[in-house]
Amino acid sequence: MRIAAGFHYYLVPALDKSKMQEIIKFIAEYKNILLDSKKPFPAINIVEVRGLEISDATWRINNGLVDFAVEGYFPQWTPPRIWMVEGCRQNILVHALVHYVQFEYEPDALDEKNKETEAWAITKKYLKHAYPLNYWVLTIPFGIYCWWTSTPY
């Protein structure tokens, strides 16, 4: 698993927040949803975790991140926010934006388990579309074990 994480880290592109609109449009097209120009895009906040133990419940609660692990989408704020741990890779942003689209445009369409399944499936399709060489280099040796979407980078 350590080897897979290393390959994942170097082959999944680094976080690029400037592609947020492109990613949301891809998700909407894939799900056949018409985007509402009046809905605000989520703000993306990066949490610096040097020296912090994010698994500490007190820290998470004090920072409004009760269920926070690697990323989280929080629709209750205006604009809605996505929190991400520093060092997250592009796949984590795509995954969080799928949850944004699910919540904002189809809040009752799927149960929680199916929302997660769909979010990882769309993440994989976007990465395959946007970064095909990286995707195939990573998938050929590691795709059998689903490490492409399971490692939090």
C-alpha atoms as a PDB file:
ATOM      1  CA  MET A   1       0.000   0.000   0.000  1.00  0.00           C
ATOM      2  CA  ARG A   2       2.900   2.369   0.748  1.00  0.00           C
ATOM      3  CA  ILE A   3       4.206   1.927  -2.816  1.00  0.00           C
ATOM      4  CA  ALA A   4       0.732   2.607  -4.226  1.00  0.00           C
ATOM      5  CA  ALA A   5       0.451   5.781  -2.165  1.00  0.00           C
ATOM      6  CA  GLY A   6       3.794   6.973  -3.526  1.00  0.00           C
ATOM      7  CA  PHE A   7       2.779   6.390  -7.138  1.00  0.00           C
ATOM      8  CA  HIS A   8      -0.609   7.946  -6.437  1.00  0.00           C
ATOM      9  CA  TYR A   9       1.010  11.055  -4.970  1.00  0.00           C
ATOM     10  CA  TYR A  10       3.276  11.600  -7.980  1.00  0.00           C
ATOM     11  CA  LEU A  11       0.784  10.676 -10.691  1.00  0.00           C
ATOM     12  CA  VAL A  12      -2.422  12.306  -9.471  1.00  0.00           C
ATOM     13  CA  PRO A  13      -2.077  16.006 -10.281  1.00  0.00           C
ATOM     14  CA  ALA A  14      -1.568  18.481  -7.465  1.00  0.00           C
ATOM     15  CA  LEU A  15      -4.538  20.476  -6.271  1.00  0.00           C
ATOM     16  CA  ASP A  16      -5.539  23.145  -8.791  1.00  0.00           C
ATOM     17  CA  LYS A  17      -8.438  25.239  -7.463  1.00  0.00           C
ATOM     18  CA  SER A  18      -8.521  27.281 -10.676  1.00  0.00           C
ATOM     19  CA  LYS A  19     -10.166  24.331 -12.450  1.00  0.00           C
ATOM     20  CA  MET A  20     -13.216  24.318 -10.153  1.00  0.00           C
ATOM     21  CA  GLN A  21     -15.666  25.679 -12.769  1.00  0.00           C
ATOM     22  CA  GLU A  22     -14.364  23.250 -15.405  1.00  0.00           C
ATOM     23  CA  ILE A  23     -14.800  20.349 -12.995  1.00  0.00           C
ATOM     24  CA  ILE A  24     -18.328  21.392 -11.989  1.00  0.00           C
ATOM     25  CA  LYS A  25     -19.313  21.718 -15.657  1.00  0.00           C
ATOM     26  CA  PHE A  26     -17.923  18.235 -16.352  1.00  0.00           C
ATOM     27  CA  ILE A  27     -19.928  16.804 -13.444  1.00  0.00           C
ATOM     28  CA  ALA A  28     -23.113  18.581 -14.551  1.00  0.00           C
ATOM     29  CA  GLU A  29     -22.731  17.327 -18.122  1.00  0.00           C
ATOM     30  CA  TYR A  30     -22.066  13.800 -16.910  1.00  0.00           C
ATOM     31  CA  LYS A  31     -25.151  13.884 -14.674  1.00  0.00           C
ATOM     32  CA  ASN A  32     -27.212  15.750 -17.318  1.00  0.00           C
ATOM     33  CA  ILE A  33     -27.913  18.679 -14.969  1.00  0.00           C
ATOM     34  CA  LEU A  34     -28.416  22.290 -16.014  1.00  0.00           C
ATOM     35  CA  LEU A  35     -26.340  24.554 -13.757  1.00  0.00           C
ATOM     36  CA  ASP A  36     -28.048  27.525 -12.092  1.00  0.00           C
ATOM     37  CA  SER A  37     -25.923  30.666 -12.510  1.00  0.00           C
ATOM     38  CA  LYS A  38     -27.482  32.102  -9.314  1.00  0.00           C
ATOM     39  CA  LYS A  39     -26.091  29.325  -7.118  1.00  0.00           C
ATOM     40  CA  PRO A  40     -22.712  30.263  -5.662  1.00  0.00           C
ATOM     41  CA  PHE A  41     -19.783  27.971  -6.232  1.00  0.00           C
ATOM     42  CA  PRO A  42     -18.326  26.670  -2.989  1.00  0.00           C
ATOM     43  CA  ALA A  43     -15.391  28.401  -1.351  1.00  0.00           C
ATOM     44  CA  ILE A  44     -12.378  26.117  -0.994  1.00  0.00           C
ATOM     45  CA  ASN A  45     -10.475  26.316   2.280  1.00  0.00           C
ATOM     46  CA  ILE A  46      -7.193  24.517   2.847  1.00  0.00           C
ATOM     47  CA  VAL A  47      -6.520  23.398   6.409  1.00  0.00           C
ATOM     48  CA  GLU A  48      -2.872  23.416   7.395  1.00  0.00           C
ATOM     49  CA  VAL A  49      -2.356  20.455   9.669  1.00  0.00           C
ATOM     50  CA  ARG A  50       1.306  20.732  10.599  1.00  0.00           C
ATOM     51  CA  GLY A  51       1.504  19.936  14.274  1.00  0.00           C
ATOM     52  CA  LEU A  52      -2.243  19.321  14.567  1.00  0.00           C
ATOM     53  CA  GLU A  53      -3.933  16.003  15.086  1.00  0.00           C
ATOM     54  CA  ILE A  54      -7.029  16.289  12.905  1.00  0.00           C
ATOM     55  CA  SER A  55      -8.422  13.110  14.360  1.00  0.00           C
ATOM     56  CA  ASP A  56      -8.762  14.944  17.684  1.00  0.00           C
ATOM     57  CA  ALA A  57     -12.510  15.409  18.214  1.00  0.00           C
ATOM     58  CA  THR A  58     -12.125  18.668  20.183  1.00  0.00           C
ATOM     59  CA  TRP A  59     -10.132  20.324  17.390  1.00  0.00           C
ATOM     60  CA  ARG A  60     -12.645  19.182  14.759  1.00  0.00           C
ATOM     61  CA  ILE A  61     -15.668  20.401  16.742  1.00  0.00           C
ATOM     62  CA  ASN A  62     -14.047  23.758  17.549  1.00  0.00           C
ATOM     63  CA  ASN A  63     -13.357  24.249  13.856  1.00  0.00           C
ATOM     64  CA  GLY A  64     -16.812  23.166  12.672  1.00  0.00           C
ATOM     65  CA  LEU A  65     -15.451  19.994  11.126  1.00  0.00           C
ATOM     66  CA  VAL A  66     -17.235  17.304  13.091  1.00  0.00           C
ATOM     67  CA  ASP A  67     -16.958  14.633  10.387  1.00  0.00           C
ATOM     68  CA  PHE A  68     -13.755  15.943   8.844  1.00  0.00           C
ATOM     69  CA  ALA A  69     -11.232  13.427   7.566  1.00  0.00           C
ATOM     70  CA  VAL A  70      -9.506  14.471   4.331  1.00  0.00           C
ATOM     71  CA  GLU A  71     -12.135  16.690   2.793  1.00  0.00           C
ATOM     72  CA  GLY A  72     -15.645  17.777   3.509  1.00  0.00           C
ATOM     73  CA  TYR A  73     -18.418  19.696   1.804  1.00  0.00           C
ATOM     74  CA  PHE A  74     -20.355  21.996   4.138  1.00  0.00           C
ATOM     75  CA  PRO A  75     -23.522  23.418   2.526  1.00  0.00           C
ATOM     76  CA  GLN A  76     -24.736  25.245   5.643  1.00  0.00           C
ATOM     77  CA  TRP A  77     -22.360  28.181   5.089  1.00  0.00           C
ATOM     78  CA  THR A  78     -22.888  30.913   2.518  1.00  0.00           C
ATOM     79  CA  PRO A  79     -21.288  30.378   0.126  1.00  0.00           C
ATOM     80  CA  PRO A  80     -21.016  26.651   0.750  1.00  0.00           C
ATOM     81  CA  ARG A  81     -17.493  25.553   1.658  1.00  0.00           C
ATOM     82  CA  ILE A  82     -15.179  22.708   0.897  1.00  0.00           C
ATOM     83  CA  TRP A  83     -12.502  22.059   3.508  1.00  0.00           C
ATOM     84  CA  MET A  84      -9.429  20.154   2.411  1.00  0.00           C
ATOM     85  CA  VAL A  85      -6.264  19.114   4.207  1.00  0.00           C
ATOM     86  CA  GLU A  86      -3.090  20.635   2.789  1.00  0.00           C
ATOM     87  CA  GLY A  87      -1.422  18.265   0.375  1.00  0.00           C
ATOM     88  CA  CYS A  88      -4.683  16.891  -1.030  1.00  0.00           C
ATOM     89  CA  ARG A  89      -4.487  16.067  -4.717  1.00  0.00           C
ATOM     90  CA  GLN A  90      -6.870  16.962  -7.541  1.00  0.00           C
ATOM     91  CA  ASN A  91      -8.963  13.795  -7.100  1.00  0.00           C
ATOM     92  CA  ILE A  92     -10.063  14.973  -3.638  1.00  0.00           C
ATOM     93  CA  LEU A  93     -11.278  18.299  -5.061  1.00  0.00           C
ATOM     94  CA  VAL A  94     -13.212  16.519  -7.814  1.00  0.00           C
ATOM     95  CA  HIS A  95     -14.786  14.183  -5.248  1.00  0.00           C
ATOM     96  CA  ALA A  96     -15.848  17.116  -3.033  1.00  0.00           C
ATOM     97  CA  LEU A  97     -17.300  18.972  -6.033  1.00  0.00           C
ATOM     98  CA  VAL A  98     -19.376  15.925  -6.952  1.00  0.00           C
ATOM     99  CA  HIS A  99     -20.860  16.145  -3.450  1.00  0.00           C
ATOM    100  CA  TYR A 100     -21.518  19.861  -4.035  1.00  0.00           C
ATOM    101  CA  VAL A 101     -23.475  19.073  -7.211  1.00  0.00           C
ATOM    102  CA  GLN A 102     -25.312  16.203  -5.506  1.00  0.00           C
ATOM    103  CA  PHE A 103     -26.366  18.382  -2.575  1.00  0.00           C
ATOM    104  CA  GLU A 104     -27.214  21.531  -4.529  1.00  0.00           C
ATOM    105  CA  TYR A 105     -28.977  19.956  -7.507  1.00  0.00           C
ATOM    106  CA  GLU A 106     -30.216  16.502  -6.398  1.00  0.00           C
ATOM    107  CA  PRO A 107     -30.293  16.428  -2.596  1.00  0.00           C
ATOM    108  CA  ASP A 108     -32.709  13.496  -2.370  1.00  0.00           C
ATOM    109  CA  ALA A 109     -31.652  11.512  -5.442  1.00  0.00           C
ATOM    110  CA  LEU A 110     -29.387   8.989  -3.701  1.00  0.00           C
ATOM    111  CA  ASP A 111     -28.740   7.631  -0.230  1.00  0.00           C
ATOM    112  CA  GLU A 112     -25.369   8.314   1.431  1.00  0.00           C
ATOM    113  CA  LYS A 113     -23.719   5.075   0.315  1.00  0.00           C
ATOM    114  CA  ASN A 114     -24.755   5.583  -3.323  1.00  0.00           C
ATOM    115  CA  LYS A 115     -23.653   9.238  -3.207  1.00  0.00           C
ATOM    116  CA  GLU A 116     -20.169   8.069  -2.214  1.00  0.00           C
ATOM    117  CA  THR A 117     -20.139   5.383  -4.901  1.00  0.00           C
ATOM    118  CA  GLU A 118     -21.231   7.904  -7.526  1.00  0.00           C
ATOM    119  CA  ALA A 119     -18.725  10.511  -6.303  1.00  0.00           C
ATOM    120  CA  TRP A 120     -15.791   8.122  -6.717  1.00  0.00           C
ATOM    121  CA  ALA A 121     -17.071   6.915 -10.103  1.00  0.00           C
ATOM    122  CA  ILE A 122     -17.345  10.489 -11.439  1.00  0.00           C
ATOM    123  CA  THR A 123     -13.968  11.384  -9.914  1.00  0.00           C
ATOM    124  CA  LYS A 124     -12.397   8.501 -11.810  1.00  0.00           C
ATOM    125  CA  LYS A 125     -14.112   9.537 -15.070  1.00  0.00           C
ATOM    126  CA  TYR A 126     -12.975  13.153 -14.701  1.00  0.00           C
ATOM    127  CA  LEU A 127      -9.371  12.185 -13.988  1.00  0.00           C
ATOM    128  CA  LYS A 128      -9.402   9.783 -16.928  1.00  0.00           C
ATOM    129  CA  HIS A 129     -10.765  12.609 -19.125  1.00  0.00           C
ATOM    130  CA  ALA A 130      -8.530  15.437 -17.852  1.00  0.00           C
ATOM    131  CA  TYR A 131      -5.296  13.528 -17.195  1.00  0.00           C
ATOM    132  CA  PRO A 132      -5.391  10.437 -19.446  1.00  0.00           C
ATOM    133  CA  LEU A 133      -1.667   9.650 -19.412  1.00  0.00           C
ATOM    134  CA  ASN A 134      -1.455   9.917 -15.618  1.00  0.00           C
ATOM    135  CA  TYR A 135      -4.609   7.850 -15.304  1.00  0.00           C
ATOM    136  CA  TRP A 136      -3.410   4.977 -17.450  1.00  0.00           C
ATOM    137  CA  VAL A 137       0.100   4.904 -15.982  1.00  0.00           C
ATOM    138  CA  LEU A 138      -1.477   4.607 -12.536  1.00  0.00           C
ATOM    139  CA  THR A 139      -4.310   2.277 -13.527  1.00  0.00           C
ATOM    140  CA  ILE A 140      -2.373  -0.369 -15.412  1.00  0.00           C
ATOM    141  CA  PRO A 141      -0.307  -1.563 -12.419  1.00  0.00           C
ATOM    142  CA  PHE A 142      -2.618  -0.435  -9.606  1.00  0.00           C
ATOM    143  CA  GLY A 143      -6.150  -0.298 -11.007  1.00  0.00           C
ATOM    144  CA  ILE A 144      -6.869  -3.887 -10.080  1.00  0.00           C
ATOM    145  CA  TYR A 145      -6.700  -2.904  -6.424  1.00  0.00           C
ATOM    146  CA  CYS A 146      -8.736   0.349  -6.832  1.00  0.00           C
ATOM    147  CA  TRP A 147      -5.839   2.386  -5.434  1.00  0.00           C
ATOM    148  CA  TRP A 148      -6.523   5.189  -7.939  1.00  0.00           C
ATOM    149  CA  THR A 149      -9.422   6.561  -5.917  1.00  0.00           C
ATOM    150  CA  SER A 150      -8.813   5.120  -2.481  1.00  0.00           C
ATOM    151  CA  THR A 151      -5.609   6.867  -1.379  1.00  0.00           C
ATOM    152  CA  PRO A 152      -6.250  10.337   0.135  1.00  0.00           C
ATOM    153  CA  TYR A 153      -3.833  12.531  -1.823  1.00  0.00           C
END
